[in-house]
Amino acid sequence: MQYFDALGRRKKSVARVRLTPGTGKRIANGNTIKNYLHRESLEMLVEQPLKAVGLSDKVDIKVNVYGGGLSGQAGAIRHGIARALLEYDEELRPELKTRGFLTRDPRMVERKKPGRPKARKRFQFSKR
């Protein structure tokens, strides 16, 4: 059986995606995507690259994802699916590129600074 592997990342999450020609099954860590992500908005996020190229019901996707929270994991899955679609068909690149699915989101959590309770928050100021 032919398959296409790719890696997607977002924040601290890493998703290993395997795309195979099939009927539209979506599995993440042994569960369906719907059961794994819980939120419809995150499901829609994951489906975006497939809908953009019109392959929603023509490929099966199996994902192993770890690290971070659900939102970061959904972003990592989306990135991985877009990269796997490139392996599947290189001619999909312009469509995926213009919609920004191939760009790894560089935003990360800002580090905590010394003398402050969080990265930017300050302790309450009192003149006396």
Protein backbone atom coordinates (compact mmCIF):
# COMPACT_ATOMS: atom_id res chain seq x y z
CA MET A 1 0.00 0.00 0.00
CA GLN A 2 1.28 3.43 -0.94
CA TYR A 3 1.50 6.09 1.77
CA PHE A 4 2.92 9.58 2.30
CA ASP A 5 4.51 10.66 5.59
CA ALA A 6 5.07 14.18 6.88
CA LEU A 7 5.84 16.02 10.10
CA GLY A 8 3.92 19.08 11.32
CA ARG A 9 4.77 21.38 14.23
CA ARG A 10 3.08 24.20 16.16
CA LYS A 11 4.19 25.62 19.54
CA LYS A 12 5.38 22.54 21.50
CA SER A 13 3.24 20.06 19.53
CA VAL A 14 4.57 17.59 16.97
CA ALA A 15 2.32 15.61 14.62
CA ARG A 16 3.46 12.66 12.50
CA VAL A 17 0.97 12.34 9.66
CA ARG A 18 0.49 9.37 7.32
CA LEU A 19 -1.72 9.97 4.30
CA THR A 20 -3.02 7.04 2.24
CA PRO A 21 -5.48 6.92 -0.68
CA GLY A 22 -8.85 5.88 0.77
CA THR A 23 -12.34 6.95 1.74
CA GLY A 24 -11.87 9.85 4.17
CA LYS A 25 -11.08 8.23 7.54
CA ARG A 26 -9.35 10.46 10.12
CA ILE A 27 -7.57 8.89 13.09
CA ALA A 28 -5.50 10.70 15.73
CA ASN A 29 -3.77 8.71 18.50
CA GLY A 30 -6.19 5.80 18.07
CA ASN A 31 -9.36 7.95 18.17
CA THR A 32 -11.32 9.67 15.45
CA ILE A 33 -10.32 13.31 14.98
CA LYS A 34 -13.80 14.31 16.17
CA ASN A 35 -13.39 12.45 19.48
CA TYR A 36 -9.77 13.50 19.95
CA LEU A 37 -10.09 17.27 19.41
CA HIS A 38 -13.56 17.70 21.00
CA ARG A 39 -14.13 21.16 19.40
CA GLU A 40 -15.70 21.67 16.00
CA SER A 41 -13.50 24.72 15.34
CA LEU A 42 -10.36 22.60 15.74
CA GLU A 43 -11.82 19.91 13.45
CA MET A 44 -12.43 22.54 10.79
CA LEU A 45 -8.85 23.80 11.21
CA VAL A 46 -7.51 20.29 10.56
CA GLU A 47 -9.71 19.84 7.46
CA GLN A 48 -8.71 23.15 5.81
CA PRO A 49 -5.82 21.87 3.62
CA LEU A 50 -7.89 18.91 2.38
CA LYS A 51 -10.87 21.09 1.47
CA ALA A 52 -8.59 23.62 -0.26
CA VAL A 53 -7.38 20.98 -2.70
CA GLY A 54 -10.63 18.98 -2.87
CA LEU A 55 -9.33 15.68 -1.46
CA SER A 56 -11.47 15.42 1.69
CA ASP A 57 -13.09 12.09 0.81
CA LYS A 58 -10.26 10.63 -1.29
CA VAL A 59 -7.57 10.15 1.38
CA ASP A 60 -7.32 8.51 4.80
CA ILE A 61 -5.24 10.18 7.49
CA LYS A 62 -3.58 8.60 10.49
CA VAL A 63 -1.88 10.94 12.96
CA ASN A 64 0.36 10.43 15.96
CA VAL A 65 0.50 13.73 17.85
CA TYR A 66 2.11 14.67 21.15
CA GLY A 67 3.17 17.70 23.19
CA GLY A 68 1.41 20.98 23.93
CA GLY A 69 -2.35 21.48 24.18
CA LEU A 70 -5.26 20.71 21.86
CA SER A 71 -5.04 23.97 19.91
CA GLY A 72 -1.33 23.56 19.22
CA GLN A 73 -1.86 19.91 18.30
CA ALA A 74 -4.60 20.85 15.83
CA GLY A 75 -2.24 23.36 14.22
CA ALA A 76 0.51 20.75 14.05
CA ILE A 77 -1.87 18.24 12.41
CA ARG A 78 -2.90 20.85 9.83
CA HIS A 79 0.75 21.61 9.04
CA GLY A 80 1.53 17.89 8.75
CA ILE A 81 -1.43 17.22 6.46
CA ALA A 82 -0.39 20.07 4.15
CA ARG A 83 3.16 18.70 3.94
CA ALA A 84 1.87 15.16 3.30
CA LEU A 85 -0.34 16.48 0.49
CA LEU A 86 2.82 17.85 -1.17
CA GLU A 87 4.34 14.37 -1.08
CA TYR A 88 1.08 13.05 -2.55
CA ASP A 89 1.05 15.59 -5.42
CA GLU A 90 3.66 18.34 -5.90
CA GLU A 91 1.25 20.29 -8.13
CA LEU A 92 -0.82 21.23 -5.07
CA ARG A 93 2.00 23.51 -3.81
CA PRO A 94 0.71 26.85 -5.22
CA GLU A 95 -2.76 26.39 -3.68
CA LEU A 96 -1.41 25.33 -0.28
CA LYS A 97 1.27 28.03 -0.30
CA THR A 98 -1.09 30.92 -1.06
CA ARG A 99 -3.37 29.90 1.80
CA GLY A 100 -0.41 29.68 4.20
CA PHE A 101 -0.72 25.99 5.12
CA LEU A 102 2.93 25.20 4.40
CA THR A 103 4.35 27.92 6.66
CA ARG A 104 5.32 26.78 10.13
CA ASP A 105 3.79 29.17 12.68
CA PRO A 106 6.82 30.65 14.49
CA ARG A 107 4.93 32.01 17.51
CA MET A 108 6.12 30.48 20.77
CA VAL A 109 5.50 31.21 24.45
CA GLU A 110 7.57 34.15 25.66
CA ARG A 111 9.93 33.32 28.49
CA LYS A 112 9.39 34.49 32.07
CA LYS A 113 11.67 37.37 33.04
CA PRO A 114 13.37 37.74 36.45
CA GLY A 115 11.74 40.16 38.86
CA ARG A 116 8.32 39.64 37.31
CA PRO A 117 5.54 37.13 38.03
CA LYS A 118 5.11 36.25 34.31
CA ALA A 119 6.66 37.22 30.97
CA ARG A 120 5.19 40.75 30.84
CA LYS A 121 3.07 41.12 33.97
CA ARG A 122 4.51 43.26 36.75
CA PHE A 123 4.04 43.16 40.49
CA GLN A 124 1.70 45.84 41.80
CA PHE A 125 3.40 49.22 42.13
CA SER A 126 3.00 51.19 45.35
CA LYS A 127 4.56 54.61 45.87
CA ARG A 128 4.90 54.03 49.64
